[in-house]
PDB file of N, CA and C in Angstrom:
ATOM      1  N   MET A   1      40.422 260.807  12.282  1.00  0.00           N
ATOM      2  CA  MET A   1      41.019 261.667  11.842  1.00  0.00           C
ATOM      3  C   MET A   1      40.703 262.699  12.551  1.00  0.00           C
ATOM      4  N   SER A   2      41.919 263.171  13.053  1.00  0.00           N
ATOM      5  CA  SER A   2      42.245 264.853  13.893  1.00  0.00           C
ATOM      6  C   SER A   2      41.274 266.047  13.581  1.00  0.00           C
ATOM      7  N   ASP A   3      40.807 267.099  13.463  1.00  0.00           N
ATOM      8  CA  ASP A   3      40.362 268.340  13.001  1.00  0.00           C
ATOM      9  C   ASP A   3      41.260 268.127  12.240  1.00  0.00           C
ATOM     10  N   ARG A   4      42.651 268.451  12.644  1.00  0.00           N
ATOM     11  CA  ARG A   4      43.837 268.851  12.034  1.00  0.00           C
ATOM     12  C   ARG A   4      43.918 268.992  11.409  1.00  0.00           C
ATOM     13  N   VAL A   5      44.001 267.814  10.606  1.00  0.00           N
ATOM     14  CA  VAL A   5      44.228 266.639   9.611  1.00  0.00           C
ATOM     15  C   VAL A   5      42.844 267.065   8.365  1.00  0.00           C
ATOM     16  N   ARG A   6      42.136 266.758   8.965  1.00  0.00           N
ATOM     17  CA  ARG A   6      40.967 266.757   8.399  1.00  0.00           C
ATOM     18  C   ARG A   6      40.769 268.350   7.769  1.00  0.00           C
ATOM     19  N   SER A   7      40.661 269.187   8.319  1.00  0.00           N
ATOM     20  CA  SER A   7      40.874 270.489   7.471  1.00  0.00           C
ATOM     21  C   SER A   7      42.023 270.842   6.534  1.00  0.00           C
ATOM     22  N   LEU A   8      43.094 270.180   6.669  1.00  0.00           N
ATOM     23  CA  LEU A   8      44.240 270.476   5.714  1.00  0.00           C
ATOM     24  C   LEU A   8      44.287 269.717   4.651  1.00  0.00           C
ATOM     25  N   LEU A   9      43.284 268.320   4.567  1.00  0.00           N
ATOM     26  CA  LEU A   9      42.762 267.859   3.435  1.00  0.00           C
ATOM     27  C   LEU A   9      42.002 268.478   2.492  1.00  0.00           C
ATOM     28  N   LYS A  10      40.496 268.791   3.041  1.00  0.00           N
ATOM     29  CA  LYS A  10      39.945 269.324   2.223  1.00  0.00           C
ATOM     30  C   LYS A  10      40.138 270.870   1.914  1.00  0.00           C
ATOM     31  N   GLY A  11      41.499 271.316   2.034  1.00  0.00           N
ATOM     32  CA  GLY A  11      42.001 272.186   1.446  1.00  0.00           C
ATOM     33  C   GLY A  11      42.545 271.507  -0.089  1.00  0.00           C
ATOM     34  N   TYR A  12      42.711 270.282   0.221  1.00  0.00           N
ATOM     35  CA  TYR A  12      43.135 269.693  -1.790  1.00  0.00           C
ATOM     36  C   TYR A  12      42.251 268.905  -2.084  1.00  0.00           C
ATOM     37  N   ALA A  13      40.898 268.825  -1.530  1.00  0.00           N
ATOM     38  CA  ALA A  13      39.987 267.967  -2.300  1.00  0.00           C
ATOM     39  C   ALA A  13      38.697 268.274  -2.421  1.00  0.00           C
ATOM     40  N   GLY A  14      38.729 269.882  -2.711  1.00  0.00           N
ATOM     41  CA  GLY A  14      37.642 270.312  -3.448  1.00  0.00           C
ATOM     42  C   GLY A  14      36.806 270.102  -4.495  1.00  0.00           C
ATOM     43  N   PRO A  15      35.932 270.401  -5.367  1.00  0.00           N
ATOM     44  CA  PRO A  15      35.327 269.823  -6.076  1.00  0.00           C
ATOM     45  C   PRO A  15      36.355 269.872  -7.596  1.00  0.00           C
ATOM     46  N   THR A  16      36.868 271.577  -7.378  1.00  0.00           N
ATOM     47  CA  THR A  16      38.250 271.346  -8.825  1.00  0.00           C
ATOM     48  C   THR A  16      39.667 270.845  -8.471  1.00  0.00           C
ATOM     49  N   GLY A  17      39.651 270.944  -7.235  1.00  0.00           N
ATOM     50  CA  GLY A  17      41.154 269.907  -6.482  1.00  0.00           C
ATOM     51  C   GLY A  17      41.857 270.361  -7.012  1.00  0.00           C
ATOM     52  N   THR A  18      43.305 270.749  -6.364  1.00  0.00           N
ATOM     53  CA  THR A  18      44.474 271.316  -6.421  1.00  0.00           C
ATOM     54  C   THR A  18      45.219 269.787  -6.697  1.00  0.00           C
ATOM     55  N   LEU A  19      44.621 269.386  -6.374  1.00  0.00           N
ATOM     56  CA  LEU A  19      46.117 268.170  -6.824  1.00  0.00           C
ATOM     57  C   LEU A  19      45.915 267.194  -8.457  1.00  0.00           C
ATOM     58  N   GLY A  20      45.362 267.942  -8.706  1.00  0.00           N
ATOM     59  CA  GLY A  20      45.392 267.178 -10.312  1.00  0.00           C
ATOM     60  C   GLY A  20      46.122 267.855 -10.926  1.00  0.00           C
ATOM     61  N   GLY A  21      46.711 269.180 -11.027  1.00  0.00           N
ATOM     62  CA  GLY A  21      47.825 270.204 -11.346  1.00  0.00           C
ATOM     63  C   GLY A  21      48.924 269.336 -12.139  1.00  0.00           C
ATOM     64  N   GLY A  22      49.426 269.191 -11.205  1.00  0.00           N
ATOM     65  CA  GLY A  22      50.987 268.390 -11.452  1.00  0.00           C
ATOM     66  C   GLY A  22      51.500 267.825 -10.061  1.00  0.00           C
ATOM     67  N   GLU A  23      53.015 267.755 -10.442  1.00  0.00           N
ATOM     68  CA  GLU A  23      53.914 267.970  -9.357  1.00  0.00           C
ATOM     69  C   GLU A  23      54.051 268.867  -8.526  1.00  0.00           C
ATOM     70  N   THR A  24      53.705 270.225  -8.691  1.00  0.00           N
ATOM     71  CA  THR A  24      53.860 271.493  -7.684  1.00  0.00           C
ATOM     72  C   THR A  24      53.012 270.842  -6.751  1.00  0.00           C
ATOM     73  N   ASP A  25      51.397 270.505  -6.560  1.00  0.00           N
ATOM     74  CA  ASP A  25      50.555 270.745  -5.662  1.00  0.00           C
ATOM     75  C   ASP A  25      50.781 269.712  -4.764  1.00  0.00           C
ATOM     76  N   ARG A  26      52.008 267.797  -5.447  1.00  0.00           N
ATOM     77  CA  ARG A  26      52.121 266.812  -4.258  1.00  0.00           C
ATOM     78  C   ARG A  26      52.980 267.823  -3.247  1.00  0.00           C
ATOM     79  N   LYS A  27      53.833 268.308  -4.314  1.00  0.00           N
ATOM     80  CA  LYS A  27      55.245 269.062  -3.271  1.00  0.00           C
ATOM     81  C   LYS A  27      54.520 270.114  -1.865  1.00  0.00           C
ATOM     82  N   ALA A  28      53.398 270.357  -2.777  1.00  0.00           N
ATOM     83  CA  ALA A  28      52.524 270.944  -1.627  1.00  0.00           C
ATOM     84  C   ALA A  28      51.391 270.635  -0.462  1.00  0.00           C
ATOM     85  N   LEU A  29      51.108 269.481  -0.919  1.00  0.00           N
ATOM     86  CA  LEU A  29      50.565 268.675   0.019  1.00  0.00           C
ATOM     87  C   LEU A  29      51.840 268.164   0.581  1.00  0.00           C
ATOM     88  N   HIS A  30      52.379 268.220   0.536  1.00  0.00           N
ATOM     89  CA  HIS A  30      53.517 266.786   1.382  1.00  0.00           C
ATOM     90  C   HIS A  30      54.428 268.181   1.837  1.00  0.00           C
ATOM     91  N   LYS A  31      54.240 269.326   1.740  1.00  0.00           N
ATOM     92  CA  LYS A  31      55.566 270.133   2.736  1.00  0.00           C
ATOM     93  C   LYS A  31      54.244 270.491   3.899  1.00  0.00           C
ATOM     94  N   ALA A  32      52.937 270.156   3.298  1.00  0.00           N
ATOM     95  CA  ALA A  32      52.005 271.110   4.553  1.00  0.00           C
ATOM     96  C   ALA A  32      51.454 270.000   5.657  1.00  0.00           C
ATOM     97  N   LEU A  33      52.030 269.330   5.375  1.00  0.00           N
ATOM     98  CA  LEU A  33      51.814 267.746   5.742  1.00  0.00           C
ATOM     99  C   LEU A  33      53.367 267.682   6.309  1.00  0.00           C
ATOM    100  N   ASP A  34      54.441 267.931   6.170  1.00  0.00           N
ATOM    101  CA  ASP A  34      55.171 267.845   6.908  1.00  0.00           C
ATOM    102  C   ASP A  34      55.220 269.132   8.205  1.00  0.00           C
ATOM    103  N   GLY A  35      55.295 269.810   7.938  1.00  0.00           N
ATOM    104  CA  GLY A  35      53.988 271.015   9.332  1.00  0.00           C
ATOM    105  C   GLY A  35      53.451 270.546  10.346  1.00  0.00           C
ATOM    106  N   LEU A  36      53.244 269.985   9.451  1.00  0.00           N
ATOM    107  CA  LEU A  36      51.653 269.080  10.923  1.00  0.00           C
ATOM    108  C   LEU A  36      52.510 268.950  11.938  1.00  0.00           C
ATOM    109  N   LEU A  37      53.345 267.855  10.695  1.00  0.00           N
ATOM    110  CA  LEU A  37      53.892 266.838  11.795  1.00  0.00           C
ATOM    111  C   LEU A  37      54.837 267.263  12.526  1.00  0.00           C
ATOM    112  N   GLU A  38      55.815 268.285  12.375  1.00  0.00           N
ATOM    113  CA  GLU A  38      57.072 269.475  12.739  1.00  0.00           C
ATOM    114  C   GLU A  38      55.754 269.640  14.322  1.00  0.00           C
ATOM    115  N   ASN A  39      54.828 269.706  13.718  1.00  0.00           N
ATOM    116  CA  ASN A  39      54.261 271.284  15.088  1.00  0.00           C
ATOM    117  C   ASN A  39      53.309 269.587  15.640  1.00  0.00           C
ATOM    118  N   SER A  40      52.926 268.117  16.073  1.00  0.00           N
ATOM    119  CA  SER A  40      52.547 267.315  16.272  1.00  0.00           C
ATOM    120  C   SER A  40      53.297 267.072  17.330  1.00  0.00           C
ATOM    121  N   ARG A  41      55.331 267.021  16.233  1.00  0.00           N
ATOM    122  CA  ARG A  41      56.250 266.418  17.556  1.00  0.00           C
ATOM    123  C   ARG A  41      56.538 266.965  18.401  1.00  0.00           C
ATOM    124  N   ALA A  42      56.332 268.396  18.433  1.00  0.00           N
ATOM    125  CA  ALA A  42      56.956 269.908  19.352  1.00  0.00           C
ATOM    126  C   ALA A  42      55.396 269.831  20.498  1.00  0.00           C
ATOM    127  N   MET A  43      53.959 269.185  19.737  1.00  0.00           N
ATOM    128  CA  MET A  43      52.973 269.584  20.993  1.00  0.00           C
ATOM    129  C   MET A  43      53.035 267.958  21.767  1.00  0.00           C
ATOM    130  N   LEU A  44      53.820 267.217  21.573  1.00  0.00           N
ATOM    131  CA  LEU A  44      53.915 265.822  21.893  1.00  0.00           C
ATOM    132  C   LEU A  44      55.214 265.776  23.166  1.00  0.00           C
ATOM    133  N   TRP A  45      55.895 266.482  22.564  1.00  0.00           N
ATOM    134  CA  TRP A  45      56.993 266.574  24.010  1.00  0.00           C
ATOM    135  C   TRP A  45      56.496 267.457  25.048  1.00  0.00           C
ATOM    136  N   LEU A  46      55.704 268.799  24.798  1.00  0.00           N
ATOM    137  CA  LEU A  46      54.920 270.401  25.112  1.00  0.00           C
ATOM    138  C   LEU A  46      53.904 269.323  26.331  1.00  0.00           C
ATOM    139  N   ALA A  47      53.226 268.192  26.270  1.00  0.00           N
ATOM    140  CA  ALA A  47      52.112 267.218  26.466  1.00  0.00           C
ATOM    141  C   ALA A  47      53.104 266.765  27.380  1.00  0.00           C
ATOM    142  N   VAL A  48      54.136 265.622  27.566  1.00  0.00           N
ATOM    143  CA  VAL A  48      54.897 264.812  27.966  1.00  0.00           C
ATOM    144  C   VAL A  48      55.728 265.953  29.651  1.00  0.00           C
ATOM    145  N   ALA A  49      56.115 266.776  29.144  1.00  0.00           N
ATOM    146  CA  ALA A  49      57.065 267.771  29.887  1.00  0.00           C
ATOM    147  C   ALA A  49      56.060 268.156  31.175  1.00  0.00           C
ATOM    148  N   MET A  50      54.673 268.829  30.558  1.00  0.00           N
ATOM    149  CA  MET A  50      53.915 269.016  31.348  1.00  0.00           C
ATOM    150  C   MET A  50      53.492 267.810  32.035  1.00  0.00           C
ATOM    151  N   ALA A  51      53.010 267.029  31.942  1.00  0.00           N
ATOM    152  CA  ALA A  51      52.748 265.894  32.728  1.00  0.00           C
ATOM    153  C   ALA A  51      53.388 265.518  33.788  1.00  0.00           C
ATOM    154  N   ALA A  52      55.456 266.004  33.534  1.00  0.00           N
ATOM    155  CA  ALA A  52      56.071 265.464  34.523  1.00  0.00           C
ATOM    156  C   ALA A  52      55.970 266.307  35.208  1.00  0.00           C
ATOM    157  N   VAL A  53      56.060 267.667  34.820  1.00  0.00           N
ATOM    158  CA  VAL A  53      55.927 268.676  35.704  1.00  0.00           C
ATOM    159  C   VAL A  53      54.628 269.088  36.954  1.00  0.00           C
ATOM    160  N   LEU A  54      54.103 268.553  36.483  1.00  0.00           N
ATOM    161  CA  LEU A  54      53.041 267.669  37.181  1.00  0.00           C
ATOM    162  C   LEU A  54      52.409 266.577  38.197  1.00  0.00           C
ATOM    163  N   PHE A  55      53.022 266.460  37.750  1.00  0.00           N
ATOM    164  CA  PHE A  55      53.402 264.785  38.135  1.00  0.00           C
ATOM    165  C   PHE A  55      54.325 265.216  39.597  1.00  0.00           C
ATOM    166  N   ALA A  56      55.904 265.767  39.245  1.00  0.00           N
ATOM    167  CA  ALA A  56      56.279 266.177  40.534  1.00  0.00           C
ATOM    168  C   ALA A  56      56.048 266.451  40.872  1.00  0.00           C
ATOM    169  N   ALA A  57      55.243 267.656  40.796  1.00  0.00           N
ATOM    170  CA  ALA A  57      54.824 268.577  41.222  1.00  0.00           C
ATOM    171  C   ALA A  57      53.712 268.650  42.744  1.00  0.00           C
ATOM    172  N   GLU A  58      52.738 267.253  41.965  1.00  0.00           N
ATOM    173  CA  GLU A  58      52.109 266.406  43.226  1.00  0.00           C
ATOM    174  C   GLU A  58      52.712 265.606  43.879  1.00  0.00           C
ATOM    175  N   PHE A  59      53.650 264.686  43.584  1.00  0.00           N
ATOM    176  CA  PHE A  59      54.532 263.863  44.602  1.00  0.00           C
ATOM    177  C   PHE A  59      55.643 264.772  45.752  1.00  0.00           C
ATOM    178  N   ILE A  60      55.650 265.853  45.106  1.00  0.00           N
ATOM    179  CA  ILE A  60      56.515 266.270  46.096  1.00  0.00           C
ATOM    180  C   ILE A  60      55.609 267.054  47.741  1.00  0.00           C
ATOM    181  N   VAL A  61      54.499 267.700  46.982  1.00  0.00           N
ATOM    182  CA  VAL A  61      53.623 267.855  47.896  1.00  0.00           C
ATOM    183  C   VAL A  61      52.888 266.398  49.198  1.00  0.00           C
ATOM    184  N   ALA A  62      52.853 265.413  48.347  1.00  0.00           N
ATOM    185  CA  ALA A  62      52.382 264.089  48.901  1.00  0.00           C
ATOM    186  C   ALA A  62      53.695 264.476  49.583  1.00  0.00           C
ATOM    187  N   LEU A  63      54.710 264.357  49.633  1.00  0.00           N
ATOM    188  CA  LEU A  63      55.959 264.116  50.510  1.00  0.00           C
ATOM    189  C   LEU A  63      55.636 264.759  51.350  1.00  0.00           C
ATOM    190  N   LEU A  64      55.818 266.355  51.345  1.00  0.00           N
ATOM    191  CA  LEU A  64      55.887 267.512  52.189  1.00  0.00           C
ATOM    192  C   LEU A  64      54.408 266.838  53.388  1.00  0.00           C
ATOM    193  N   ASN A  65      53.336 266.422  53.487  1.00  0.00           N
ATOM    194  CA  ASN A  65      52.645 266.475  54.076  1.00  0.00           C
ATOM    195  C   ASN A  65      52.144 265.104  54.362  1.00  0.00           C
ATOM    196  N   ILE A  66      52.869 263.744  53.772  1.00  0.00           N
ATOM    197  CA  ILE A  66      52.689 262.689  54.219  1.00  0.00           C
ATOM    198  C   ILE A  66      51.901 262.829  55.329  1.00  0.00           C
ATOM    199  N   ASP A  67      51.879 263.584  56.508  1.00  0.00           N
ATOM    200  CA  ASP A  67      51.557 262.969  58.009  1.00  0.00           C
ATOM    201  C   ASP A  67      50.201 263.464  57.649  1.00  0.00           C
ATOM    202  N   ASN A  68      49.722 263.959  56.710  1.00  0.00           N
ATOM    203  CA  ASN A  68      48.278 264.097  56.346  1.00  0.00           C
ATOM    204  C   ASN A  68      47.402 263.034  55.066  1.00  0.00           C
ATOM    205  N   SER A  69      47.224 261.983  56.006  1.00  0.00           N
ATOM    206  CA  SER A  69      46.239 261.030  55.563  1.00  0.00           C
ATOM    207  C   SER A  69      45.649 261.170  54.345  1.00  0.00           C
ATOM    208  N   LYS A  70      44.731 262.774  54.410  1.00  0.00           N
ATOM    209  CA  LYS A  70      43.498 262.780  54.317  1.00  0.00           C
ATOM    210  C   LYS A  70      44.056 263.332  52.539  1.00  0.00           C
ATOM    211  N   LEU A  71      45.139 264.119  52.564  1.00  0.00           N
ATOM    212  CA  LEU A  71      45.428 265.415  51.684  1.00  0.00           C
ATOM    213  C   LEU A  71      46.659 264.427  50.533  1.00  0.00           C
ATOM    214  N   VAL A  72      47.020 263.273  50.700  1.00  0.00           N
ATOM    215  CA  VAL A  72      48.475 262.403  50.276  1.00  0.00           C
ATOM    216  C   VAL A  72      46.721 261.358  49.313  1.00  0.00           C
ATOM    217  N   ALA A  73      45.924 261.467  50.078  1.00  0.00           N
ATOM    218  CA  ALA A  73      45.433 260.238  49.338  1.00  0.00           C
ATOM    219  C   ALA A  73      44.491 261.017  48.443  1.00  0.00           C
ATOM    220  N   GLY A  74      44.344 262.571  48.285  1.00  0.00           N
ATOM    221  CA  GLY A  74      44.265 263.021  47.361  1.00  0.00           C
ATOM    222  C   GLY A  74      44.924 263.122  46.818  1.00  0.00           C
ATOM    223  N   MET A  75      46.176 264.054  46.712  1.00  0.00           N
ATOM    224  CA  MET A  75      47.466 263.850  45.972  1.00  0.00           C
ATOM    225  C   MET A  75      47.120 262.587  44.998  1.00  0.00           C
ATOM    226  N   ALA A  76      46.722 261.105  45.946  1.00  0.00           N
ATOM    227  CA  ALA A  76      46.822 259.860  44.754  1.00  0.00           C
ATOM    228  C   ALA A  76      45.890 259.676  43.888  1.00  0.00           C
ATOM    229  N   GLY A  77      45.125 260.316  44.653  1.00  0.00           N
ATOM    230  CA  GLY A  77      43.371 260.774  43.618  1.00  0.00           C
ATOM    231  C   GLY A  77      43.987 261.579  41.763  1.00  0.00           C
ATOM    232  N   ALA A  78      44.426 262.631  42.070  1.00  0.00           N
ATOM    233  CA  ALA A  78      45.370 263.561  41.844  1.00  0.00           C
ATOM    234  C   ALA A  78      46.561 262.899  40.403  1.00  0.00           C
ATOM    235  N   MET A  79      46.913 262.596  40.811  1.00  0.00           N
ATOM    236  CA  MET A  79      48.112 261.551  40.149  1.00  0.00           C
ATOM    237  C   MET A  79      47.014 260.690  39.692  1.00  0.00           C
ATOM    238  N   GLY A  80      46.632 260.216  39.533  1.00  0.00           N
ATOM    239  CA  GLY A  80      45.756 258.978  38.601  1.00  0.00           C
ATOM    240  C   GLY A  80      45.026 259.923  38.317  1.00  0.00           C
ATOM    241  N   LEU A  81      43.905 261.078  37.794  1.00  0.00           N
ATOM    242  CA  LEU A  81      43.806 261.872  36.799  1.00  0.00           C
ATOM    243  C   LEU A  81      44.302 262.453  36.104  1.00  0.00           C
ATOM    244  N   THR A  82      45.463 263.084  36.719  1.00  0.00           N
ATOM    245  CA  THR A  82      46.459 263.574  35.702  1.00  0.00           C
ATOM    246  C   THR A  82      47.745 262.507  34.569  1.00  0.00           C
ATOM    247  N   GLY A  83      47.691 260.972  35.424  1.00  0.00           N
ATOM    248  CA  GLY A  83      48.051 260.090  34.686  1.00  0.00           C
ATOM    249  C   GLY A  83      47.131 259.981  33.313  1.00  0.00           C
ATOM    250  N   ALA A  84      45.818 260.039  33.754  1.00  0.00           N
ATOM    251  CA  ALA A  84      44.834 259.176  32.289  1.00  0.00           C
ATOM    252  C   ALA A  84      44.580 260.702  31.988  1.00  0.00           C
ATOM    253  N   GLY A  85      44.740 262.187  31.815  1.00  0.00           N
ATOM    254  CA  GLY A  85      44.929 262.793  31.602  1.00  0.00           C
ATOM    255  C   GLY A  85      45.839 263.311  29.872  1.00  0.00           C
ATOM    256  N   ALA A  86      47.447 263.222  31.024  1.00  0.00           N
ATOM    257  CA  ALA A  86      48.161 263.098  29.899  1.00  0.00           C
ATOM    258  C   ALA A  86      48.284 261.353  29.077  1.00  0.00           C
ATOM    259  N   ILE A  87      48.020 261.030  29.042  1.00  0.00           N
ATOM    260  CA  ILE A  87      47.879 259.339  28.724  1.00  0.00           C
ATOM    261  C   ILE A  87      46.812 259.903  27.313  1.00  0.00           C
ATOM    262  N   ASP A  88      45.106 260.033  27.130  1.00  0.00           N
ATOM    263  CA  ASP A  88      44.699 260.920  26.479  1.00  0.00           C
ATOM    264  C   ASP A  88      45.489 261.692  25.622  1.00  0.00           C
ATOM    265  N   VAL A  89      46.169 262.345  26.382  1.00  0.00           N
ATOM    266  CA  VAL A  89      46.762 263.638  25.039  1.00  0.00           C
ATOM    267  C   VAL A  89      47.612 262.825  24.053  1.00  0.00           C
ATOM    268  N   VAL A  90      48.546 262.329  24.494  1.00  0.00           N
ATOM    269  CA  VAL A  90      49.747 261.941  24.119  1.00  0.00           C
ATOM    270  C   VAL A  90      48.534 260.887  23.343  1.00  0.00           C
ATOM    271  N   ARG A  91      48.197 259.715  23.371  1.00  0.00           N
ATOM    272  CA  ARG A  91      47.168 259.057  22.575  1.00  0.00           C
ATOM    273  C   ARG A  91      46.915 260.124  21.352  1.00  0.00           C
ATOM    274  N   ARG A  92      46.166 260.578  21.447  1.00  0.00           N
ATOM    275  CA  ARG A  92      45.154 261.660  20.816  1.00  0.00           C
ATOM    276  C   ARG A  92      46.592 261.786  18.972  1.00  0.00           C
ATOM    277  N   ILE A  93      47.584 262.544  20.319  1.00  0.00           N
ATOM    278  CA  ILE A  93      49.022 263.191  19.428  1.00  0.00           C
ATOM    279  C   ILE A  93      49.614 262.743  18.384  1.00  0.00           C
ATOM    280  N   ALA A  94      49.854 261.017  18.959  1.00  0.00           N
ATOM    281  CA  ALA A  94      50.359 260.058  18.300  1.00  0.00           C
ATOM    282  C   ALA A  94      49.847 259.438  17.260  1.00  0.00           C
ATOM    283  N   ARG A  95      48.433 259.160  17.468  1.00  0.00           N
ATOM    284  CA  ARG A  95      47.218 258.515  16.465  1.00  0.00           C
ATOM    285  C   ARG A  95      48.040 260.112  15.026  1.00  0.00           C
ATOM    286  N   GLU A  96      47.487 261.043  15.741  1.00  0.00           N
ATOM    287  CA  GLU A  96      47.410 261.627  14.241  1.00  0.00           C
ATOM    288  C   GLU A  96      48.937 262.525  13.550  1.00  0.00           C
ATOM    289  N   MET A  97      50.094 261.593  14.190  1.00  0.00           N
ATOM    290  CA  MET A  97      51.635 262.055  14.297  1.00  0.00           C
ATOM    291  C   MET A  97      51.024 260.677  12.964  1.00  0.00           C
ATOM    292  N   ALA A  98      50.496 259.632  13.051  1.00  0.00           N
ATOM    293  CA  ALA A  98      50.706 258.334  12.316  1.00  0.00           C
ATOM    294  C   ALA A  98      49.952 259.231  11.262  1.00  0.00           C
ATOM    295  N   GLN A  99      48.537 259.142  11.165  1.00  0.00           N
ATOM    296  CA  GLN A  99      48.154 259.463  10.180  1.00  0.00           C
ATOM    297  C   GLN A  99      48.520 259.798   9.112  1.00  0.00           C
ATOM    298  N   THR A 100      49.386 261.473   9.962  1.00  0.00           N
ATOM    299  CA  THR A 100      49.959 262.827   8.517  1.00  0.00           C
ATOM    300  C   THR A 100      51.157 261.582   8.610  1.00  0.00           C
ATOM    301  N   HIS A 101      51.976 261.060   8.621  1.00  0.00           N
ATOM    302  CA  HIS A 101      53.288 260.185   8.298  1.00  0.00           C
ATOM    303  C   HIS A 101      52.501 259.490   7.271  1.00  0.00           C
ATOM    304  N   LEU A 102      51.695 258.952   6.934  1.00  0.00           N
ATOM    305  CA  LEU A 102      50.989 258.226   6.678  1.00  0.00           C
ATOM    306  C   LEU A 102      51.054 258.520   5.302  1.00  0.00           C
ATOM    307  N   LEU A 103      49.714 259.833   4.927  1.00  0.00           N
ATOM    308  CA  LEU A 103      49.885 260.745   4.395  1.00  0.00           C
ATOM    309  C   LEU A 103      50.952 261.117   3.534  1.00  0.00           C
ATOM    310  N   ILE A 104      51.926 261.762   4.285  1.00  0.00           N
ATOM    311  CA  ILE A 104      52.675 262.369   3.608  1.00  0.00           C
ATOM    312  C   ILE A 104      53.323 260.730   2.560  1.00  0.00           C
ATOM    313  N   VAL A 105      53.725 259.826   3.295  1.00  0.00           N
ATOM    314  CA  VAL A 105      54.438 258.580   2.477  1.00  0.00           C
ATOM    315  C   VAL A 105      53.429 258.874   1.125  1.00  0.00           C
ATOM    316  N   LEU A 106      51.750 258.949   1.267  1.00  0.00           N
ATOM    317  CA  LEU A 106      51.145 258.322   0.455  1.00  0.00           C
ATOM    318  C   LEU A 106      51.678 259.631  -1.125  1.00  0.00           C
ATOM    319  N   SER A 107      51.705 260.568  -0.343  1.00  0.00           N
ATOM    320  CA  SER A 107      51.614 261.909  -0.609  1.00  0.00           C
ATOM    321  C   SER A 107      53.260 261.708  -1.747  1.00  0.00           C
ATOM    322  N   GLY A 108      54.470 261.035  -1.115  1.00  0.00           N
ATOM    323  CA  GLY A 108      55.335 260.971  -2.424  1.00  0.00           C
ATOM    324  C   GLY A 108      55.542 260.197  -3.070  1.00  0.00           C
ATOM    325  N   THR A 109      54.287 258.833  -2.891  1.00  0.00           N
ATOM    326  CA  THR A 109      54.762 258.020  -3.648  1.00  0.00           C
ATOM    327  C   THR A 109      53.869 257.760  -4.352  1.00  0.00           C
ATOM    328  N   LEU A 110      52.624 258.354  -4.189  1.00  0.00           N
ATOM    329  CA  LEU A 110      51.304 257.775  -5.822  1.00  0.00           C
ATOM    330  C   LEU A 110      51.440 259.364  -6.303  1.00  0.00           C
ATOM    331  N   ASP A 111      50.965 258.746  -7.949  1.00  0.00           N
ATOM    332  CA  ASP A 111      51.626 260.885  -8.630  1.00  0.00           C
ATOM    333  C   ASP A 111      49.656 261.581  -8.281  1.00  0.00           C
ATOM    334  N   ALA A 112      49.694 262.548  -8.986  1.00  0.00           N
ATOM    335  CA  ALA A 112      48.605 263.421  -8.971  1.00  0.00           C
ATOM    336  C   ALA A 112      47.499 262.743  -8.913  1.00  0.00           C
ATOM    337  N   GLU A 113      47.614 261.860 -10.076  1.00  0.00           N
ATOM    338  CA  GLU A 113      46.013 261.737 -10.714  1.00  0.00           C
ATOM    339  C   GLU A 113      45.425 260.212  -9.650  1.00  0.00           C
ATOM    340  N   ALA A 114      46.542 259.284  -9.186  1.00  0.00           N
ATOM    341  CA  ALA A 114      46.293 258.648  -7.968  1.00  0.00           C
ATOM    342  C   ALA A 114      45.655 258.567  -6.600  1.00  0.00           C
ATOM    343  N   LEU A 115      46.529 259.752  -5.806  1.00  0.00           N
ATOM    344  CA  LEU A 115      46.334 260.286  -4.924  1.00  0.00           C
ATOM    345  C   LEU A 115      45.074 261.724  -4.713  1.00  0.00           C
ATOM    346  N   LYS A 116      44.677 262.026  -5.865  1.00  0.00           N
ATOM    347  CA  LYS A 116      43.546 263.142  -6.159  1.00  0.00           C
ATOM    348  C   LYS A 116      42.079 262.398  -5.307  1.00  0.00           C
ATOM    349  N   PRO A 117      41.864 261.064  -5.833  1.00  0.00           N
ATOM    350  CA  PRO A 117      40.742 260.204  -4.955  1.00  0.00           C
ATOM    351  C   PRO A 117      40.819 259.618  -3.994  1.00  0.00           C
ATOM    352  N   VAL A 118      42.189 260.281  -3.347  1.00  0.00           N
ATOM    353  CA  VAL A 118      42.818 259.166  -1.956  1.00  0.00           C
ATOM    354  C   VAL A 118      42.142 259.956  -1.248  1.00  0.00           C
ATOM    355  N   ILE A 119      42.678 261.544  -1.523  1.00  0.00           N
ATOM    356  CA  ILE A 119      42.804 262.380  -0.942  1.00  0.00           C
ATOM    357  C   ILE A 119      41.540 262.991  -0.466  1.00  0.00           C
ATOM    358  N   SER A 120      40.792 262.910  -1.801  1.00  0.00           N
ATOM    359  CA  SER A 120      39.271 263.250  -1.846  1.00  0.00           C
ATOM    360  C   SER A 120      38.430 262.513  -0.870  1.00  0.00           C
ATOM    361  N   ALA A 121      38.562 261.244  -0.968  1.00  0.00           N
ATOM    362  CA  ALA A 121      37.142 260.442   0.379  1.00  0.00           C
ATOM    363  C   ALA A 121      37.885 260.389   0.971  1.00  0.00           C
ATOM    364  N   LEU A 122      39.205 260.494   1.850  1.00  0.00           N
ATOM    365  CA  LEU A 122      39.874 260.567   3.287  1.00  0.00           C
ATOM    366  C   LEU A 122      38.648 262.244   3.565  1.00  0.00           C
ATOM    367  N   ALA A 123      39.199 262.867   2.844  1.00  0.00           N
ATOM    368  CA  ALA A 123      38.493 264.168   3.901  1.00  0.00           C
ATOM    369  C   ALA A 123      36.829 264.365   3.863  1.00  0.00           C
ATOM    370  N   ARG A 124      35.906 263.387   2.484  1.00  0.00           N
ATOM    371  CA  ARG A 124      34.566 262.887   2.801  1.00  0.00           C
ATOM    372  C   ARG A 124      34.827 262.504   3.755  1.00  0.00           C
ATOM    373  N   LYS A 125      35.088 260.374   4.436  1.00  0.00           N
ATOM    374  CA  LYS A 125      35.063 259.938   5.251  1.00  0.00           C
ATOM    375  C   LYS A 125      35.117 260.754   6.991  1.00  0.00           C
ATOM    376  N   MET A 126      36.024 261.500   6.762  1.00  0.00           N
ATOM    377  CA  MET A 126      36.437 262.224   7.945  1.00  0.00           C
ATOM    378  C   MET A 126      35.458 263.236   8.436  1.00  0.00           C
TER     379      MET A 126
END
């Protein structure tokens, strides 16, 4: 799991734990996870927009200098690196979103007693 999810879970998986206390703690976890999910969605769209702008700029520079084969070859390499980097960033964000969504579902369906060991195990394993 990502560092952001791990740090959020560790706050709810201490030795005394805040999850055993009842419904309020589950709601607090659910709210924190919702906030993390919204933040991840914004980061995903930002990463996609940044990659699109970079790709468009690289493409325009290559088109404007079509007679300079060395520059066009360099721009092709830059486009490949930009694409690979963008795919990696989007993949990591999408994984974090999936993990967060799973935890949201668990926090909404499991009672506090069943949720506490799950959160503790995930926080330790990560």
